[in-house]
Amino acid sequence: MGRPTGHLHQSLSPTKFLIGQSIGSAGMNFVFRDPAEPLTAIQGRIPGLDMPVNLDKLDDAVLALLHLTSFRDGEITRAWKGHNWDALNRLFEKGLISNPKSKAKSVVMSDQGIARGKELFARLFED
């Protein structure tokens, strides 16, 4: 792994709080929050990105990718859960997939999740 990048120098500052970190090809990136910044200002930010993110659009993209990796397992449809954990938890809360907090490497997609994932995949990725 390369040397740490990002805002590592700010980790020594008592006026900033670490809100997230990610490991990329360039090393580890850190995201900090000034304590004066309201928490609502950081909602929807992804660690490593310095921009607000529309979580509904992110969840739609993850559901479309779950459709891409879905497979039949008897009478149920499963999908590999190698995606952002926060997004998977939100999809679970919306009733689109089973609880991702399990030892299984896949989640079960609900009938609504299957239909919506297929629709989103077509909308986002078809020519």
C-alpha atoms as a PDB file:
ATOM      1  CA  MET A   1       0.000   0.000   0.000  1.00  0.00           C
ATOM      2  CA  GLY A   2       1.254   3.506  -0.811  1.00  0.00           C
ATOM      3  CA  ARG A   3       1.778   6.239   1.682  1.00  0.00           C
ATOM      4  CA  PRO A   4      -1.328   7.743   3.323  1.00  0.00           C
ATOM      5  CA  THR A   5      -2.970  10.565   1.394  1.00  0.00           C
ATOM      6  CA  GLY A   6      -5.853  12.922   1.959  1.00  0.00           C
ATOM      7  CA  HIS A   7      -6.161  15.109   5.034  1.00  0.00           C
ATOM      8  CA  LEU A   8      -3.824  13.062   7.223  1.00  0.00           C
ATOM      9  CA  HIS A   9      -2.100  16.204   8.486  1.00  0.00           C
ATOM     10  CA  GLN A  10      -5.400  17.370   9.983  1.00  0.00           C
ATOM     11  CA  SER A  11      -5.673  14.266  12.172  1.00  0.00           C
ATOM     12  CA  LEU A  12      -3.402  16.005  14.670  1.00  0.00           C
ATOM     13  CA  SER A  13      -5.682  19.033  14.878  1.00  0.00           C
ATOM     14  CA  PRO A  14      -7.878  19.138  17.999  1.00  0.00           C
ATOM     15  CA  THR A  15     -10.426  21.238  16.075  1.00  0.00           C
ATOM     16  CA  LYS A  16     -11.362  18.534  13.536  1.00  0.00           C
ATOM     17  CA  PHE A  17     -13.130  15.203  14.005  1.00  0.00           C
ATOM     18  CA  LEU A  18     -12.612  12.152  11.817  1.00  0.00           C
ATOM     19  CA  ILE A  19     -15.931  11.221  10.177  1.00  0.00           C
ATOM     20  CA  GLY A  20     -14.771   8.529   7.788  1.00  0.00           C
ATOM     21  CA  GLN A  21     -11.915   6.877   6.001  1.00  0.00           C
ATOM     22  CA  SER A  22     -11.423   4.789   2.912  1.00  0.00           C
ATOM     23  CA  ILE A  23      -8.569   2.805   1.446  1.00  0.00           C
ATOM     24  CA  GLY A  24      -7.948   3.313  -2.246  1.00  0.00           C
ATOM     25  CA  SER A  25      -5.157   2.534  -4.667  1.00  0.00           C
ATOM     26  CA  ALA A  26      -3.324   5.690  -3.565  1.00  0.00           C
ATOM     27  CA  GLY A  27      -3.482   4.761   0.116  1.00  0.00           C
ATOM     28  CA  MET A  28      -5.775   5.712   2.968  1.00  0.00           C
ATOM     29  CA  ASN A  29      -7.974   8.801   2.710  1.00  0.00           C
ATOM     30  CA  PHE A  30      -9.506  10.578   5.675  1.00  0.00           C
ATOM     31  CA  VAL A  31     -12.560  12.836   5.868  1.00  0.00           C
ATOM     32  CA  PHE A  32     -12.723  15.343   8.701  1.00  0.00           C
ATOM     33  CA  ARG A  33     -15.483  17.557  10.028  1.00  0.00           C
ATOM     34  CA  ASP A  34     -15.082  20.878  11.741  1.00  0.00           C
ATOM     35  CA  PRO A  35     -17.068  20.729  15.033  1.00  0.00           C
ATOM     36  CA  ALA A  36     -18.702  24.041  14.090  1.00  0.00           C
ATOM     37  CA  GLU A  37     -20.138  22.468  10.916  1.00  0.00           C
ATOM     38  CA  PRO A  38     -23.694  21.231  11.550  1.00  0.00           C
ATOM     39  CA  LEU A  39     -24.130  17.475  11.270  1.00  0.00           C
ATOM     40  CA  THR A  40     -26.824  18.002   8.647  1.00  0.00           C
ATOM     41  CA  ALA A  41     -24.138  19.497   6.383  1.00  0.00           C
ATOM     42  CA  ILE A  42     -22.273  16.183   6.232  1.00  0.00           C
ATOM     43  CA  GLN A  43     -25.246  13.865   5.787  1.00  0.00           C
ATOM     44  CA  GLY A  44     -25.013  12.193   2.411  1.00  0.00           C
ATOM     45  CA  ARG A  45     -21.233  12.476   2.165  1.00  0.00           C
ATOM     46  CA  ILE A  46     -19.252   9.396   1.365  1.00  0.00           C
ATOM     47  CA  PRO A  47     -15.893   8.978   3.141  1.00  0.00           C
ATOM     48  CA  GLY A  48     -13.128   9.960   0.759  1.00  0.00           C
ATOM     49  CA  LEU A  49     -15.349  12.261  -1.311  1.00  0.00           C
ATOM     50  CA  ASP A  50     -15.554  15.952  -0.546  1.00  0.00           C
ATOM     51  CA  MET A  51     -19.050  16.502  -1.931  1.00  0.00           C
ATOM     52  CA  PRO A  52     -22.642  15.909  -0.915  1.00  0.00           C
ATOM     53  CA  VAL A  53     -24.200  12.763  -2.371  1.00  0.00           C
ATOM     54  CA  ASN A  54     -27.851  12.081  -3.228  1.00  0.00           C
ATOM     55  CA  LEU A  55     -28.393   8.894  -1.221  1.00  0.00           C
ATOM     56  CA  ASP A  56     -31.574   7.951  -3.104  1.00  0.00           C
ATOM     57  CA  LYS A  57     -29.667   7.966  -6.408  1.00  0.00           C
ATOM     58  CA  LEU A  58     -26.834   6.013  -4.806  1.00  0.00           C
ATOM     59  CA  ASP A  59     -29.302   3.431  -3.469  1.00  0.00           C
ATOM     60  CA  ASP A  60     -30.882   3.143  -6.945  1.00  0.00           C
ATOM     61  CA  ALA A  61     -27.474   2.454  -8.487  1.00  0.00           C
ATOM     62  CA  VAL A  62     -26.666  -0.169  -5.831  1.00  0.00           C
ATOM     63  CA  LEU A  63     -30.046  -1.862  -6.359  1.00  0.00           C
ATOM     64  CA  ALA A  64     -29.409  -1.929 -10.122  1.00  0.00           C
ATOM     65  CA  LEU A  65     -26.013  -3.536  -9.497  1.00  0.00           C
ATOM     66  CA  LEU A  66     -27.611  -6.049  -7.121  1.00  0.00           C
ATOM     67  CA  HIS A  67     -29.862  -7.000 -10.050  1.00  0.00           C
ATOM     68  CA  LEU A  68     -26.730  -7.519 -12.168  1.00  0.00           C
ATOM     69  CA  THR A  69     -25.288  -9.973  -9.627  1.00  0.00           C
ATOM     70  CA  SER A  70     -28.574 -11.673  -8.762  1.00  0.00           C
ATOM     71  CA  PHE A  71     -29.144 -15.404  -9.123  1.00  0.00           C
ATOM     72  CA  ARG A  72     -31.873 -17.918  -8.383  1.00  0.00           C
ATOM     73  CA  ASP A  73     -31.444 -20.140  -5.332  1.00  0.00           C
ATOM     74  CA  GLY A  74     -34.416 -22.474  -5.444  1.00  0.00           C
ATOM     75  CA  GLU A  75     -37.498 -20.303  -5.077  1.00  0.00           C
ATOM     76  CA  ILE A  76     -35.674 -17.134  -4.001  1.00  0.00           C
ATOM     77  CA  THR A  77     -33.492 -14.582  -5.739  1.00  0.00           C
ATOM     78  CA  ARG A  78     -30.199 -13.689  -4.102  1.00  0.00           C
ATOM     79  CA  ALA A  79     -27.560 -11.076  -4.953  1.00  0.00           C
ATOM     80  CA  TRP A  80     -23.954 -10.735  -3.883  1.00  0.00           C
ATOM     81  CA  LYS A  81     -23.632  -8.074  -1.208  1.00  0.00           C
ATOM     82  CA  GLY A  82     -20.232  -6.602  -2.080  1.00  0.00           C
ATOM     83  CA  HIS A  83     -21.503  -3.013  -1.983  1.00  0.00           C
ATOM     84  CA  ASN A  84     -21.486  -0.048   0.389  1.00  0.00           C
ATOM     85  CA  TRP A  85     -22.843  -1.244   3.759  1.00  0.00           C
ATOM     86  CA  ASP A  86     -24.793   1.939   4.449  1.00  0.00           C
ATOM     87  CA  ALA A  87     -26.552   1.622   1.079  1.00  0.00           C
ATOM     88  CA  LEU A  88     -27.356  -2.044   1.755  1.00  0.00           C
ATOM     89  CA  ASN A  89     -28.800  -1.124   5.153  1.00  0.00           C
ATOM     90  CA  ARG A  90     -31.003   1.575   3.569  1.00  0.00           C
ATOM     91  CA  LEU A  91     -32.247  -0.924   0.949  1.00  0.00           C
ATOM     92  CA  PHE A  92     -33.064  -3.340   3.773  1.00  0.00           C
ATOM     93  CA  GLU A  93     -34.976  -0.600   5.635  1.00  0.00           C
ATOM     94  CA  LYS A  94     -36.973   0.038   2.433  1.00  0.00           C
ATOM     95  CA  GLY A  95     -37.900  -3.669   2.271  1.00  0.00           C
ATOM     96  CA  LEU A  96     -36.037  -4.302  -1.000  1.00  0.00           C
ATOM     97  CA  ILE A  97     -33.511  -6.831   0.362  1.00  0.00           C
ATOM     98  CA  SER A  98     -33.021  -9.029   3.412  1.00  0.00           C
ATOM     99  CA  ASN A  99     -30.901  -7.886   6.327  1.00  0.00           C
ATOM    100  CA  PRO A 100     -27.317  -7.644   5.033  1.00  0.00           C
ATOM    101  CA  LYS A 101     -25.928  -8.147   8.551  1.00  0.00           C
ATOM    102  CA  SER A 102     -25.439 -11.881   8.308  1.00  0.00           C
ATOM    103  CA  LYS A 103     -22.647 -14.340   7.627  1.00  0.00           C
ATOM    104  CA  ALA A 104     -24.066 -15.053   4.162  1.00  0.00           C
ATOM    105  CA  LYS A 105     -22.220 -13.497   1.228  1.00  0.00           C
ATOM    106  CA  SER A 106     -25.510 -12.655  -0.452  1.00  0.00           C
ATOM    107  CA  VAL A 107     -28.832 -11.026   0.383  1.00  0.00           C
ATOM    108  CA  VAL A 108     -32.319 -12.174  -0.572  1.00  0.00           C
ATOM    109  CA  MET A 109     -34.134  -9.738  -2.835  1.00  0.00           C
ATOM    110  CA  SER A 110     -37.825  -9.128  -2.170  1.00  0.00           C
ATOM    111  CA  ASP A 111     -40.304  -9.252  -5.070  1.00  0.00           C
ATOM    112  CA  GLN A 112     -40.389  -5.451  -5.003  1.00  0.00           C
ATOM    113  CA  GLY A 113     -36.565  -5.334  -4.944  1.00  0.00           C
ATOM    114  CA  ILE A 114     -36.331  -7.680  -7.933  1.00  0.00           C
ATOM    115  CA  ALA A 115     -38.787  -5.623  -9.996  1.00  0.00           C
ATOM    116  CA  ARG A 116     -37.280  -2.253  -9.033  1.00  0.00           C
ATOM    117  CA  GLY A 117     -33.703  -3.501  -9.566  1.00  0.00           C
ATOM    118  CA  LYS A 118     -34.575  -4.758 -13.048  1.00  0.00           C
ATOM    119  CA  GLU A 119     -36.295  -1.467 -13.908  1.00  0.00           C
ATOM    120  CA  LEU A 120     -33.369   0.613 -12.600  1.00  0.00           C
ATOM    121  CA  PHE A 121     -30.779  -1.520 -14.368  1.00  0.00           C
ATOM    122  CA  ALA A 122     -32.582  -1.014 -17.687  1.00  0.00           C
ATOM    123  CA  ARG A 123     -32.938   2.735 -17.096  1.00  0.00           C
ATOM    124  CA  LEU A 124     -29.337   3.266 -16.005  1.00  0.00           C
ATOM    125  CA  PHE A 125     -27.392   0.893 -18.233  1.00  0.00           C
ATOM    126  CA  GLU A 126     -29.272   0.009 -21.430  1.00  0.00           C
ATOM    127  CA  ASP A 127     -28.233   1.763 -24.646  1.00  0.00           C
END
